PDB file of N, CA and C in Angstrom:
ATOM      1  N   MET A   1       0.841  -1.177   0.000  1.00  0.00           N
ATOM      2  CA  MET A   1       0.000   0.000   0.000  1.00  0.00           C
ATOM      3  C   MET A   1       0.894   1.250   0.000  1.00  0.00           C
ATOM      4  N   ALA A   2       0.552   2.189  -0.819  1.00  0.00           N
ATOM      5  CA  ALA A   2       1.333   3.423  -0.905  1.00  0.00           C
ATOM      6  C   ALA A   2       1.077   4.288   0.322  1.00  0.00           C
ATOM      7  N   SER A   3       2.072   5.085   0.663  1.00  0.00           N
ATOM      8  CA  SER A   3       1.893   6.002   1.785  1.00  0.00           C
ATOM      9  C   SER A   3       0.858   7.059   1.406  1.00  0.00           C
ATOM     10  N   LYS A   4       0.275   7.675   2.412  1.00  0.00           N
ATOM     11  CA  LYS A   4      -0.714   8.725   2.148  1.00  0.00           C
ATOM     12  C   LYS A   4      -0.092   9.870   1.379  1.00  0.00           C
ATOM     13  N   ASN A   5       1.163  10.212   1.695  1.00  0.00           N
ATOM     14  CA  ASN A   5       1.840  11.301   0.995  1.00  0.00           C
ATOM     15  C   ASN A   5       2.066  10.964  -0.474  1.00  0.00           C
ATOM     16  N   ALA A   6       2.490   9.718  -0.756  1.00  0.00           N
ATOM     17  CA  ALA A   6       2.726   9.310  -2.140  1.00  0.00           C
ATOM     18  C   ALA A   6       1.422   9.321  -2.925  1.00  0.00           C
ATOM     19  N   SER A   7       0.364   8.855  -2.315  1.00  0.00           N
ATOM     20  CA  SER A   7      -0.937   8.849  -2.976  1.00  0.00           C
ATOM     21  C   SER A   7      -1.422  10.271  -3.232  1.00  0.00           C
ATOM     22  N   ALA A   8      -1.243  11.144  -2.265  1.00  0.00           N
ATOM     23  CA  ALA A   8      -1.645  12.549  -2.436  1.00  0.00           C
ATOM     24  C   ALA A   8      -0.827  13.206  -3.542  1.00  0.00           C
ATOM     25  N   ASP A   9       0.487  12.917  -3.588  1.00  0.00           N
ATOM     26  CA  ASP A   9       1.341  13.456  -4.651  1.00  0.00           C
ATOM     27  C   ASP A   9       0.867  12.967  -6.015  1.00  0.00           C
ATOM     28  N   ALA A  10       0.551  11.681  -6.124  1.00  0.00           N
ATOM     29  CA  ALA A  10       0.103  11.113  -7.398  1.00  0.00           C
ATOM     30  C   ALA A  10      -1.226  11.727  -7.829  1.00  0.00           C
ATOM     31  N   GLN A  11      -2.128  11.924  -6.896  1.00  0.00           N
ATOM     32  CA  GLN A  11      -3.411  12.532  -7.232  1.00  0.00           C
ATOM     33  C   GLN A  11      -3.241  13.987  -7.660  1.00  0.00           C
ATOM     34  N   ARG A  12      -2.336  14.702  -6.995  1.00  0.00           N
ATOM     35  CA  ARG A  12      -2.045  16.090  -7.376  1.00  0.00           C
ATOM     36  C   ARG A  12      -1.420  16.116  -8.774  1.00  0.00           C
ATOM     37  N   GLU A  13      -0.521  15.162  -9.028  1.00  0.00           N
ATOM     38  CA  GLU A  13       0.108  15.083 -10.342  1.00  0.00           C
ATOM     39  C   GLU A  13      -0.934  14.861 -11.430  1.00  0.00           C
ATOM     40  N   ALA A  14      -1.846  13.940 -11.225  1.00  0.00           N
ATOM     41  CA  ALA A  14      -2.877  13.662 -12.218  1.00  0.00           C
ATOM     42  C   ALA A  14      -3.756  14.896 -12.450  1.00  0.00           C
ATOM     43  N   LYS A  15      -4.117  15.571 -11.376  1.00  0.00           N
ATOM     44  CA  LYS A  15      -4.962  16.761 -11.482  1.00  0.00           C
ATOM     45  C   LYS A  15      -4.281  17.845 -12.317  1.00  0.00           C
ATOM     46  N   ILE A  16      -2.993  18.044 -12.085  1.00  0.00           N
ATOM     47  CA  ILE A  16      -2.252  19.066 -12.827  1.00  0.00           C
ATOM     48  C   ILE A  16      -2.053  18.635 -14.275  1.00  0.00           C
ATOM     49  N   LEU A  17      -1.631  17.390 -14.484  1.00  0.00           N
ATOM     50  CA  LEU A  17      -1.390  16.904 -15.845  1.00  0.00           C
ATOM     51  C   LEU A  17      -2.633  17.003 -16.719  1.00  0.00           C
ATOM     52  N   LYS A  18      -3.804  16.741 -16.137  1.00  0.00           N
ATOM     53  CA  LYS A  18      -5.061  16.813 -16.881  1.00  0.00           C
ATOM     54  C   LYS A  18      -5.265  18.183 -17.511  1.00  0.00           C
ATOM     55  N   LYS A  19      -4.794  19.215 -16.839  1.00  0.00           N
ATOM     56  CA  LYS A  19      -5.003  20.586 -17.290  1.00  0.00           C
ATOM     57  C   LYS A  19      -4.028  21.008 -18.384  1.00  0.00           C
ATOM     58  N   LEU A  20      -2.874  20.361 -18.444  1.00  0.00           N
ATOM     59  CA  LEU A  20      -1.797  20.835 -19.307  1.00  0.00           C
ATOM     60  C   LEU A  20      -1.839  20.201 -20.694  1.00  0.00           C
ATOM     61  N   ASN A  21      -1.584  21.017 -21.693  1.00  0.00           N
ATOM     62  CA  ASN A  21      -1.535  20.536 -23.067  1.00  0.00           C
ATOM     63  C   ASN A  21      -0.407  21.268 -23.784  1.00  0.00           C
ATOM     64  N   HIS A  22       0.776  20.679 -23.727  1.00  0.00           N
ATOM     65  CA  HIS A  22       1.953  21.276 -24.361  1.00  0.00           C
ATOM     66  C   HIS A  22       2.813  20.157 -24.924  1.00  0.00           C
ATOM     67  N   LYS A  23       3.391  20.399 -26.081  1.00  0.00           N
ATOM     68  CA  LYS A  23       4.172  19.353 -26.756  1.00  0.00           C
ATOM     69  C   LYS A  23       5.381  18.890 -25.948  1.00  0.00           C
ATOM     70  N   ASN A  24       5.847  19.674 -24.980  1.00  0.00           N
ATOM     71  CA  ASN A  24       7.029  19.303 -24.200  1.00  0.00           C
ATOM     72  C   ASN A  24       6.696  18.968 -22.750  1.00  0.00           C
ATOM     73  N   ILE A  25       5.428  18.652 -22.498  1.00  0.00           N
ATOM     74  CA  ILE A  25       4.997  18.171 -21.190  1.00  0.00           C
ATOM     75  C   ILE A  25       4.316  16.832 -21.414  1.00  0.00           C
ATOM     76  N   ILE A  26       4.713  15.849 -20.624  1.00  0.00           N
ATOM     77  CA  ILE A  26       4.159  14.506 -20.787  1.00  0.00           C
ATOM     78  C   ILE A  26       2.633  14.562 -20.722  1.00  0.00           C
ATOM     79  N   GLN A  27       1.978  13.884 -21.647  1.00  0.00           N
ATOM     80  CA  GLN A  27       0.525  13.958 -21.766  1.00  0.00           C
ATOM     81  C   GLN A  27      -0.183  12.934 -20.882  1.00  0.00           C
ATOM     82  N   PHE A  28      -1.163  13.408 -20.175  1.00  0.00           N
ATOM     83  CA  PHE A  28      -2.005  12.593 -19.302  1.00  0.00           C
ATOM     84  C   PHE A  28      -3.055  11.865 -20.138  1.00  0.00           C
ATOM     85  N   HIS A  29      -3.292  10.570 -19.812  1.00  0.00           N
ATOM     86  CA  HIS A  29      -4.357   9.817 -20.480  1.00  0.00           C
ATOM     87  C   HIS A  29      -5.449   9.397 -19.509  1.00  0.00           C
ATOM     88  N   ASP A  30      -5.069   8.917 -18.332  1.00  0.00           N
ATOM     89  CA  ASP A  30      -6.071   8.406 -17.406  1.00  0.00           C
ATOM     90  C   ASP A  30      -5.447   8.225 -16.026  1.00  0.00           C
ATOM     91  N   SER A  31      -6.306   8.023 -15.026  1.00  0.00           N
ATOM     92  CA  SER A  31      -5.844   7.655 -13.686  1.00  0.00           C
ATOM     93  C   SER A  31      -6.879   6.712 -13.088  1.00  0.00           C
ATOM     94  N   PHE A  32      -6.417   5.840 -12.196  1.00  0.00           N
ATOM     95  CA  PHE A  32      -7.306   4.854 -11.579  1.00  0.00           C
ATOM     96  C   PHE A  32      -6.650   4.303 -10.321  1.00  0.00           C
ATOM     97  N   ILE A  33      -7.441   3.612  -9.529  1.00  0.00           N
ATOM     98  CA  ILE A  33      -6.919   2.964  -8.325  1.00  0.00           C
ATOM     99  C   ILE A  33      -6.887   1.462  -8.581  1.00  0.00           C
ATOM    100  N   PHE A  34      -5.730   0.848  -8.321  1.00  0.00           N
ATOM    101  CA  PHE A  34      -5.539  -0.594  -8.493  1.00  0.00           C
ATOM    102  C   PHE A  34      -4.852  -1.126  -7.248  1.00  0.00           C
ATOM    103  N   ARG A  35      -5.512  -2.036  -6.554  1.00  0.00           N
ATOM    104  CA  ARG A  35      -4.961  -2.626  -5.328  1.00  0.00           C
ATOM    105  C   ARG A  35      -4.491  -1.551  -4.345  1.00  0.00           C
ATOM    106  N   ASP A  36      -5.336  -0.602  -4.102  1.00  0.00           N
ATOM    107  CA  ASP A  36      -5.068   0.495  -3.163  1.00  0.00           C
ATOM    108  C   ASP A  36      -3.940   1.423  -3.604  1.00  0.00           C
ATOM    109  N   GLU A  37      -3.536   1.339  -4.846  1.00  0.00           N
ATOM    110  CA  GLU A  37      -2.498   2.221  -5.397  1.00  0.00           C
ATOM    111  C   GLU A  37      -3.138   3.156  -6.418  1.00  0.00           C
ATOM    112  N   PHE A  38      -2.809   4.434  -6.343  1.00  0.00           N
ATOM    113  CA  PHE A  38      -3.275   5.407  -7.328  1.00  0.00           C
ATOM    114  C   PHE A  38      -2.324   5.358  -8.517  1.00  0.00           C
ATOM    115  N   CYS A  39      -2.842   5.088  -9.694  1.00  0.00           N
ATOM    116  CA  CYS A  39      -2.017   4.923 -10.900  1.00  0.00           C
ATOM    117  C   CYS A  39      -2.338   6.009 -11.917  1.00  0.00           C
ATOM    118  N   ILE A  40      -1.310   6.450 -12.626  1.00  0.00           N
ATOM    119  CA  ILE A  40      -1.459   7.464 -13.663  1.00  0.00           C
ATOM    120  C   ILE A  40      -0.980   6.876 -14.981  1.00  0.00           C
ATOM    121  N   VAL A  41      -1.782   7.040 -16.022  1.00  0.00           N
ATOM    122  CA  VAL A  41      -1.418   6.586 -17.359  1.00  0.00           C
ATOM    123  C   VAL A  41      -1.047   7.812 -18.184  1.00  0.00           C
ATOM    124  N   THR A  42       0.183   7.832 -18.680  1.00  0.00           N
ATOM    125  CA  THR A  42       0.651   8.943 -19.517  1.00  0.00           C
ATOM    126  C   THR A  42       1.147   8.389 -20.843  1.00  0.00           C
ATOM    127  N   GLU A  43       1.497   9.287 -21.730  1.00  0.00           N
ATOM    128  CA  GLU A  43       2.067   8.842 -22.997  1.00  0.00           C
ATOM    129  C   GLU A  43       3.381   8.099 -22.737  1.00  0.00           C
ATOM    130  N   PHE A  44       3.712   7.182 -23.617  1.00  0.00           N
ATOM    131  CA  PHE A  44       4.937   6.406 -23.500  1.00  0.00           C
ATOM    132  C   PHE A  44       6.092   7.196 -24.109  1.00  0.00           C
ATOM    133  N   CYS A  45       7.172   7.310 -23.363  1.00  0.00           N
ATOM    134  CA  CYS A  45       8.363   8.018 -23.846  1.00  0.00           C
ATOM    135  C   CYS A  45       9.439   6.978 -24.147  1.00  0.00           C
ATOM    136  N   ASP A  46       9.606   6.685 -25.419  1.00  0.00           N
ATOM    137  CA  ASP A  46      10.476   5.608 -25.874  1.00  0.00           C
ATOM    138  C   ASP A  46      11.952   5.820 -25.551  1.00  0.00           C
ATOM    139  N   GLY A  47      12.357   7.034 -25.253  1.00  0.00           N
ATOM    140  CA  GLY A  47      13.765   7.308 -24.980  1.00  0.00           C
ATOM    141  C   GLY A  47      14.141   7.253 -23.509  1.00  0.00           C
ATOM    142  N   GLY A  48      13.195   6.891 -22.643  1.00  0.00           N
ATOM    143  CA  GLY A  48      13.482   6.853 -21.213  1.00  0.00           C
ATOM    144  C   GLY A  48      13.641   8.254 -20.652  1.00  0.00           C
ATOM    145  N   ASP A  49      14.418   8.359 -19.578  1.00  0.00           N
ATOM    146  CA  ASP A  49      14.613   9.688 -18.993  1.00  0.00           C
ATOM    147  C   ASP A  49      16.005  10.227 -19.337  1.00  0.00           C
ATOM    148  N   LEU A  50      16.169  11.517 -19.139  1.00  0.00           N
ATOM    149  CA  LEU A  50      17.397  12.204 -19.516  1.00  0.00           C
ATOM    150  C   LEU A  50      18.597  11.709 -18.710  1.00  0.00           C
ATOM    151  N   GLU A  51      18.380  11.350 -17.440  1.00  0.00           N
ATOM    152  CA  GLU A  51      19.484  10.858 -16.619  1.00  0.00           C
ATOM    153  C   GLU A  51      20.053   9.563 -17.201  1.00  0.00           C
ATOM    154  N   ASP A  52      19.180   8.632 -17.578  1.00  0.00           N
ATOM    155  CA  ASP A  52      19.650   7.382 -18.185  1.00  0.00           C
ATOM    156  C   ASP A  52      20.372   7.654 -19.506  1.00  0.00           C
ATOM    157  N   PHE A  53      19.818   8.577 -20.298  1.00  0.00           N
ATOM    158  CA  PHE A  53      20.450   8.920 -21.571  1.00  0.00           C
ATOM    159  C   PHE A  53      21.869   9.448 -21.350  1.00  0.00           C
ATOM    160  N   MET A  54      22.018  10.358 -20.392  1.00  0.00           N
ATOM    161  CA  MET A  54      23.343  10.930 -20.114  1.00  0.00           C
ATOM    162  C   MET A  54      24.298   9.863 -19.593  1.00  0.00           C
ATOM    163  N   ASN A  55      23.819   8.978 -18.727  1.00  0.00           N
ATOM    164  CA  ASN A  55      24.671   7.905 -18.201  1.00  0.00           C
ATOM    165  C   ASN A  55      25.115   6.939 -19.298  1.00  0.00           C
ATOM    166  N   GLN A  56      24.222   6.626 -20.225  1.00  0.00           N
ATOM    167  CA  GLN A  56      24.572   5.744 -21.333  1.00  0.00           C
ATOM    168  C   GLN A  56      25.646   6.376 -22.204  1.00  0.00           C
ATOM    169  N   ARG A  57      25.502   7.654 -22.479  1.00  0.00           N
ATOM    170  CA  ARG A  57      26.506   8.355 -23.296  1.00  0.00           C
ATOM    171  C   ARG A  57      27.853   8.386 -22.578  1.00  0.00           C
ATOM    172  N   LYS A  58      27.818   8.605 -21.278  1.00  0.00           N
ATOM    173  CA  LYS A  58      29.039   8.667 -20.474  1.00  0.00           C
ATOM    174  C   LYS A  58      29.760   7.320 -20.481  1.00  0.00           C
ATOM    175  N   GLU A  59      28.988   6.228 -20.357  1.00  0.00           N
ATOM    176  CA  GLU A  59      29.576   4.883 -20.327  1.00  0.00           C
ATOM    177  C   GLU A  59      30.358   4.564 -21.596  1.00  0.00           C
ATOM    178  N   VAL A  60      29.911   5.050 -22.726  1.00  0.00           N
ATOM    179  CA  VAL A  60      30.594   4.763 -23.991  1.00  0.00           C
ATOM    180  C   VAL A  60      31.507   5.905 -24.434  1.00  0.00           C
ATOM    181  N   GLY A  61      31.638   6.919 -23.575  1.00  0.00           N
ATOM    182  CA  GLY A  61      32.556   8.017 -23.864  1.00  0.00           C
ATOM    183  C   GLY A  61      32.107   8.935 -24.983  1.00  0.00           C
ATOM    184  N   GLN A  62      30.795   9.084 -25.156  1.00  0.00           N
ATOM    185  CA  GLN A  62      30.268   9.963 -26.198  1.00  0.00           C
ATOM    186  C   GLN A  62      29.639  11.202 -25.574  1.00  0.00           C
ATOM    187  N   ALA A  63      30.109  12.338 -26.004  1.00  0.00           N
ATOM    188  CA  ALA A  63      29.520  13.597 -25.537  1.00  0.00           C
ATOM    189  C   ALA A  63      28.165  13.806 -26.206  1.00  0.00           C
ATOM    190  N   ILE A  64      27.309  14.532 -25.552  1.00  0.00           N
ATOM    191  CA  ILE A  64      26.030  14.906 -26.159  1.00  0.00           C
ATOM    192  C   ILE A  64      26.309  16.108 -27.055  1.00  0.00           C
ATOM    193  N   PRO A  65      25.913  16.033 -28.318  1.00  0.00           N
ATOM    194  CA  PRO A  65      26.187  17.150 -29.230  1.00  0.00           C
ATOM    195  C   PRO A  65      25.613  18.473 -28.718  1.00  0.00           C
ATOM    196  N   TYR A  66      26.380  19.512 -28.881  1.00  0.00           N
ATOM    197  CA  TYR A  66      25.985  20.849 -28.441  1.00  0.00           C
ATOM    198  C   TYR A  66      24.620  21.235 -29.004  1.00  0.00           C
ATOM    199  N   SER A  67      24.382  20.935 -30.272  1.00  0.00           N
ATOM    200  CA  SER A  67      23.114  21.307 -30.912  1.00  0.00           C
ATOM    201  C   SER A  67      21.930  20.617 -30.224  1.00  0.00           C
ATOM    202  N   LEU A  68      22.132  19.402 -29.752  1.00  0.00           N
ATOM    203  CA  LEU A  68      21.071  18.678 -29.060  1.00  0.00           C
ATOM    204  C   LEU A  68      20.821  19.278 -27.677  1.00  0.00           C
ATOM    205  N   VAL A  69      21.890  19.674 -26.984  1.00  0.00           N
ATOM    206  CA  VAL A  69      21.747  20.328 -25.681  1.00  0.00           C
ATOM    207  C   VAL A  69      20.961  21.628 -25.837  1.00  0.00           C
ATOM    208  N   VAL A  70      21.261  22.397 -26.855  1.00  0.00           N
ATOM    209  CA  VAL A  70      20.556  23.657 -27.107  1.00  0.00           C
ATOM    210  C   VAL A  70      19.085  23.384 -27.435  1.00  0.00           C
ATOM    211  N   LYS A  71      18.831  22.414 -28.306  1.00  0.00           N
ATOM    212  CA  LYS A  71      17.468  22.066 -28.695  1.00  0.00           C
ATOM    213  C   LYS A  71      16.642  21.651 -27.478  1.00  0.00           C
ATOM    214  N   TRP A  72      17.184  20.750 -26.683  1.00  0.00           N
ATOM    215  CA  TRP A  72      16.448  20.260 -25.515  1.00  0.00           C
ATOM    216  C   TRP A  72      16.279  21.339 -24.451  1.00  0.00           C
ATOM    217  N   SER A  73      17.287  22.179 -24.282  1.00  0.00           N
ATOM    218  CA  SER A  73      17.176  23.278 -23.310  1.00  0.00           C
ATOM    219  C   SER A  73      16.045  24.220 -23.713  1.00  0.00           C
ATOM    220  N   LYS A  74      15.969  24.521 -24.989  1.00  0.00           N
ATOM    221  CA  LYS A  74      14.901  25.392 -25.497  1.00  0.00           C
ATOM    222  C   LYS A  74      13.530  24.755 -25.245  1.00  0.00           C
ATOM    223  N   GLN A  75      13.422  23.460 -25.499  1.00  0.00           N
ATOM    224  CA  GLN A  75      12.144  22.774 -25.290  1.00  0.00           C
ATOM    225  C   GLN A  75      11.748  22.783 -23.809  1.00  0.00           C
ATOM    226  N   LEU A  76      12.709  22.555 -22.941  1.00  0.00           N
ATOM    227  CA  LEU A  76      12.435  22.576 -21.502  1.00  0.00           C
ATOM    228  C   LEU A  76      11.978  23.970 -21.067  1.00  0.00           C
ATOM    229  N   LEU A  77      12.642  24.996 -21.567  1.00  0.00           N
ATOM    230  CA  LEU A  77      12.257  26.369 -21.229  1.00  0.00           C
ATOM    231  C   LEU A  77      10.874  26.717 -21.772  1.00  0.00           C
ATOM    232  N   GLU A  78      10.524  26.207 -22.945  1.00  0.00           N
ATOM    233  CA  GLU A  78       9.183  26.442 -23.491  1.00  0.00           C
ATOM    234  C   GLU A  78       8.118  25.791 -22.615  1.00  0.00           C
ATOM    235  N   ALA A  79       8.396  24.581 -22.123  1.00  0.00           N
ATOM    236  CA  ALA A  79       7.450  23.905 -21.228  1.00  0.00           C
ATOM    237  C   ALA A  79       7.290  24.698 -19.933  1.00  0.00           C
ATOM    238  N   LEU A  80       8.392  25.160 -19.367  1.00  0.00           N
ATOM    239  CA  LEU A  80       8.335  25.946 -18.131  1.00  0.00           C
ATOM    240  C   LEU A  80       7.611  27.270 -18.339  1.00  0.00           C
ATOM    241  N   ASP A  81       7.862  27.924 -19.453  1.00  0.00           N
ATOM    242  CA  ASP A  81       7.180  29.180 -19.758  1.00  0.00           C
ATOM    243  C   ASP A  81       5.668  28.956 -19.860  1.00  0.00           C
ATOM    244  N   TYR A  82       5.275  27.875 -20.516  1.00  0.00           N
ATOM    245  CA  TYR A  82       3.859  27.528 -20.631  1.00  0.00           C
ATOM    246  C   TYR A  82       3.234  27.355 -19.243  1.00  0.00           C
ATOM    247  N   MET A  83       3.905  26.624 -18.366  1.00  0.00           N
ATOM    248  CA  MET A  83       3.377  26.382 -17.022  1.00  0.00           C
ATOM    249  C   MET A  83       3.317  27.667 -16.203  1.00  0.00           C
ATOM    250  N   HIS A  84       4.361  28.466 -16.286  1.00  0.00           N
ATOM    251  CA  HIS A  84       4.410  29.697 -15.500  1.00  0.00           C
ATOM    252  C   HIS A  84       3.393  30.727 -15.993  1.00  0.00           C
ATOM    253  N   SER A  85       2.968  30.588 -17.248  1.00  0.00           N
ATOM    254  CA  SER A  85       1.974  31.505 -17.819  1.00  0.00           C
ATOM    255  C   SER A  85       0.569  30.924 -17.748  1.00  0.00           C
ATOM    256  N   PHE A  86       0.427  29.747 -17.138  1.00  0.00           N
ATOM    257  CA  PHE A  86      -0.853  29.047 -17.116  1.00  0.00           C
ATOM    258  C   PHE A  86      -1.917  29.877 -16.397  1.00  0.00           C
ATOM    259  N   LYS A  87      -3.107  29.923 -16.977  1.00  0.00           N
ATOM    260  CA  LYS A  87      -4.232  30.662 -16.405  1.00  0.00           C
ATOM    261  C   LYS A  87      -5.251  29.675 -15.859  1.00  0.00           C
ATOM    262  N   PRO A  88      -5.906  29.937 -14.772  1.00  0.00           N
ATOM    263  CA  PRO A  88      -5.927  31.202 -14.051  1.00  0.00           C
ATOM    264  C   PRO A  88      -4.749  31.364 -13.094  1.00  0.00           C
ATOM    265  N   LYS A  89      -4.041  30.265 -12.767  1.00  0.00           N
ATOM    266  CA  LYS A  89      -2.926  30.370 -11.835  1.00  0.00           C
ATOM    267  C   LYS A  89      -1.692  29.685 -12.414  1.00  0.00           C
ATOM    268  N   PRO A  90      -0.527  30.292 -12.272  1.00  0.00           N
ATOM    269  CA  PRO A  90       0.707  29.665 -12.751  1.00  0.00           C
ATOM    270  C   PRO A  90       0.978  28.338 -12.037  1.00  0.00           C
ATOM    271  N   ILE A  91       1.676  27.458 -12.729  1.00  0.00           N
ATOM    272  CA  ILE A  91       2.075  26.180 -12.156  1.00  0.00           C
ATOM    273  C   ILE A  91       3.598  26.160 -12.094  1.00  0.00           C
ATOM    274  N   VAL A  92       4.135  25.800 -10.939  1.00  0.00           N
ATOM    275  CA  VAL A  92       5.575  25.801 -10.714  1.00  0.00           C
ATOM    276  C   VAL A  92       6.038  24.374 -10.453  1.00  0.00           C
ATOM    277  N   HIS A  93       7.018  23.913 -11.194  1.00  0.00           N
ATOM    278  CA  HIS A  93       7.616  22.599 -10.978  1.00  0.00           C
ATOM    279  C   HIS A  93       8.700  22.767  -9.921  1.00  0.00           C
ATOM    280  N   ARG A  94       8.643  21.985  -8.853  1.00  0.00           N
ATOM    281  CA  ARG A  94       9.593  22.145  -7.754  1.00  0.00           C
ATOM    282  C   ARG A  94      10.620  21.033  -7.683  1.00  0.00           C
ATOM    283  N   ASP A  95      10.765  20.265  -8.771  1.00  0.00           N
ATOM    284  CA  ASP A  95      11.703  19.146  -8.733  1.00  0.00           C
ATOM    285  C   ASP A  95      12.285  18.881 -10.118  1.00  0.00           C
ATOM    286  N   ILE A  96      12.812  19.927 -10.734  1.00  0.00           N
ATOM    287  CA  ILE A  96      13.393  19.762 -12.066  1.00  0.00           C
ATOM    288  C   ILE A  96      14.762  19.101 -11.932  1.00  0.00           C
ATOM    289  N   LYS A  97      14.884  17.947 -12.559  1.00  0.00           N
ATOM    290  CA  LYS A  97      16.146  17.200 -12.594  1.00  0.00           C
ATOM    291  C   LYS A  97      16.074  16.248 -13.773  1.00  0.00           C
ATOM    292  N   SER A  98      17.207  15.707 -14.155  1.00  0.00           N
ATOM    293  CA  SER A  98      17.268  14.861 -15.351  1.00  0.00           C
ATOM    294  C   SER A  98      16.382  13.625 -15.243  1.00  0.00           C
ATOM    295  N   ARG A  99      16.128  13.127 -14.052  1.00  0.00           N
ATOM    296  CA  ARG A  99      15.269  11.949 -13.855  1.00  0.00           C
ATOM    297  C   ARG A  99      13.805  12.275 -14.145  1.00  0.00           C
ATOM    298  N   ASN A 100      13.439  13.561 -14.130  1.00  0.00           N
ATOM    299  CA  ASN A 100      12.059  13.985 -14.369  1.00  0.00           C
ATOM    300  C   ASN A 100      11.844  14.577 -15.761  1.00  0.00           C
ATOM    301  N   VAL A 101      12.848  14.427 -16.616  1.00  0.00           N
ATOM    302  CA  VAL A 101      12.755  14.877 -18.001  1.00  0.00           C
ATOM    303  C   VAL A 101      12.839  13.633 -18.871  1.00  0.00           C
ATOM    304  N   PHE A 102      11.834  13.446 -19.721  1.00  0.00           N
ATOM    305  CA  PHE A 102      11.747  12.236 -20.532  1.00  0.00           C
ATOM    306  C   PHE A 102      11.990  12.555 -21.996  1.00  0.00           C
ATOM    307  N   LEU A 103      12.340  11.523 -22.761  1.00  0.00           N
ATOM    308  CA  LEU A 103      12.646  11.689 -24.178  1.00  0.00           C
ATOM    309  C   LEU A 103      11.675  10.857 -25.013  1.00  0.00           C
ATOM    310  N   LYS A 104      11.097  11.495 -26.002  1.00  0.00           N
ATOM    311  CA  LYS A 104      10.207  10.807 -26.935  1.00  0.00           C
ATOM    312  C   LYS A 104      10.509  11.313 -28.329  1.00  0.00           C
ATOM    313  N   SER A 105      10.927  10.409 -29.187  1.00  0.00           N
ATOM    314  CA  SER A 105      11.244  10.774 -30.573  1.00  0.00           C
ATOM    315  C   SER A 105      12.186  11.973 -30.611  1.00  0.00           C
ATOM    316  N   ASN A 106      13.190  11.941 -29.741  1.00  0.00           N
ATOM    317  CA  ASN A 106      14.225  12.969 -29.687  1.00  0.00           C
ATOM    318  C   ASN A 106      13.695  14.345 -29.258  1.00  0.00           C
ATOM    319  N   GLN A 107      12.579  14.345 -28.526  1.00  0.00           N
ATOM    320  CA  GLN A 107      11.991  15.568 -27.988  1.00  0.00           C
ATOM    321  C   GLN A 107      11.932  15.454 -26.469  1.00  0.00           C
ATOM    322  N   ILE A 108      12.026  16.587 -25.794  1.00  0.00           N
ATOM    323  CA  ILE A 108      11.916  16.651 -24.330  1.00  0.00           C
ATOM    324  C   ILE A 108      10.448  16.587 -23.932  1.00  0.00           C
ATOM    325  N   LYS A 109      10.176  15.840 -22.853  1.00  0.00           N
ATOM    326  CA  LYS A 109       8.854  15.779 -22.237  1.00  0.00           C
ATOM    327  C   LYS A 109       9.048  15.936 -20.730  1.00  0.00           C
ATOM    328  N   LEU A 110       8.636  17.052 -20.172  1.00  0.00           N
ATOM    329  CA  LEU A 110       8.764  17.279 -18.753  1.00  0.00           C
ATOM    330  C   LEU A 110       7.685  16.494 -18.013  1.00  0.00           C
ATOM    331  N   GLY A 111       8.083  15.793 -16.955  1.00  0.00           N
ATOM    332  CA  GLY A 111       7.134  14.976 -16.213  1.00  0.00           C
ATOM    333  C   GLY A 111       7.385  15.069 -14.723  1.00  0.00           C
ATOM    334  N   ALA A 112       6.917  14.052 -14.012  1.00  0.00           N
ATOM    335  CA  ALA A 112       7.041  13.949 -12.544  1.00  0.00           C
ATOM    336  C   ALA A 112       6.419  15.170 -11.877  1.00  0.00           C
ATOM    337  N   MET A 113       5.115  15.206 -11.922  1.00  0.00           N
ATOM    338  CA  MET A 113       4.376  16.378 -11.471  1.00  0.00           C
ATOM    339  C   MET A 113       4.031  16.365  -9.975  1.00  0.00           C
ATOM    340  N   GLY A 114       4.383  15.332  -9.266  1.00  0.00           N
ATOM    341  CA  GLY A 114       3.989  15.213  -7.869  1.00  0.00           C
ATOM    342  C   GLY A 114       4.420  16.373  -6.995  1.00  0.00           C
ATOM    343  N   LYS A 115       5.496  17.053  -7.378  1.00  0.00           N
ATOM    344  CA  LYS A 115       5.972  18.182  -6.576  1.00  0.00           C
ATOM    345  C   LYS A 115       5.680  19.513  -7.237  1.00  0.00           C
ATOM    346  N   TRP A 116       4.766  19.513  -8.181  1.00  0.00           N
ATOM    347  CA  TRP A 116       4.372  20.766  -8.809  1.00  0.00           C
ATOM    348  C   TRP A 116       3.459  21.508  -7.868  1.00  0.00           C
ATOM    349  N   PHE A 117       3.405  22.793  -8.043  1.00  0.00           N
ATOM    350  CA  PHE A 117       2.597  23.626  -7.155  1.00  0.00           C
ATOM    351  C   PHE A 117       1.814  24.609  -8.005  1.00  0.00           C
ATOM    352  N   ALA A 118       0.514  24.573  -7.869  1.00  0.00           N
ATOM    353  CA  ALA A 118      -0.334  25.562  -8.547  1.00  0.00           C
ATOM    354  C   ALA A 118      -0.615  26.668  -7.555  1.00  0.00           C
ATOM    355  N   ASN A 119      -0.101  27.855  -7.841  1.00  0.00           N
ATOM    356  CA  ASN A 119      -0.278  28.994  -6.925  1.00  0.00           C
ATOM    357  C   ASN A 119      -1.738  29.341  -6.753  1.00  0.00           C
TER     358      ASN A 119
END
């Protein structure tokens, strides 16, 4: 059984994700309770998360191309700008890290909304 805090975080994440529609934010599909666990269904990100991607590149001694870093940084900033401009109240992500950034078809998808805060 999930802790009350984890369940509350997951429910908050689903509530926020439902409202958001941006190409660089992971898309919400559904949520449900299964065996006392709150589950969230989102789009599948075939590239995994950014932390795994960086670790894989490091293991084989390959740098991430500068152009890709710039492209992904721009996409992340566009997602953040969208959230911060969200009406009626801005949404602030309080846990931005490579483990919470996902890759799909070589595009950034910001996720892990449990620590987001809607002012």
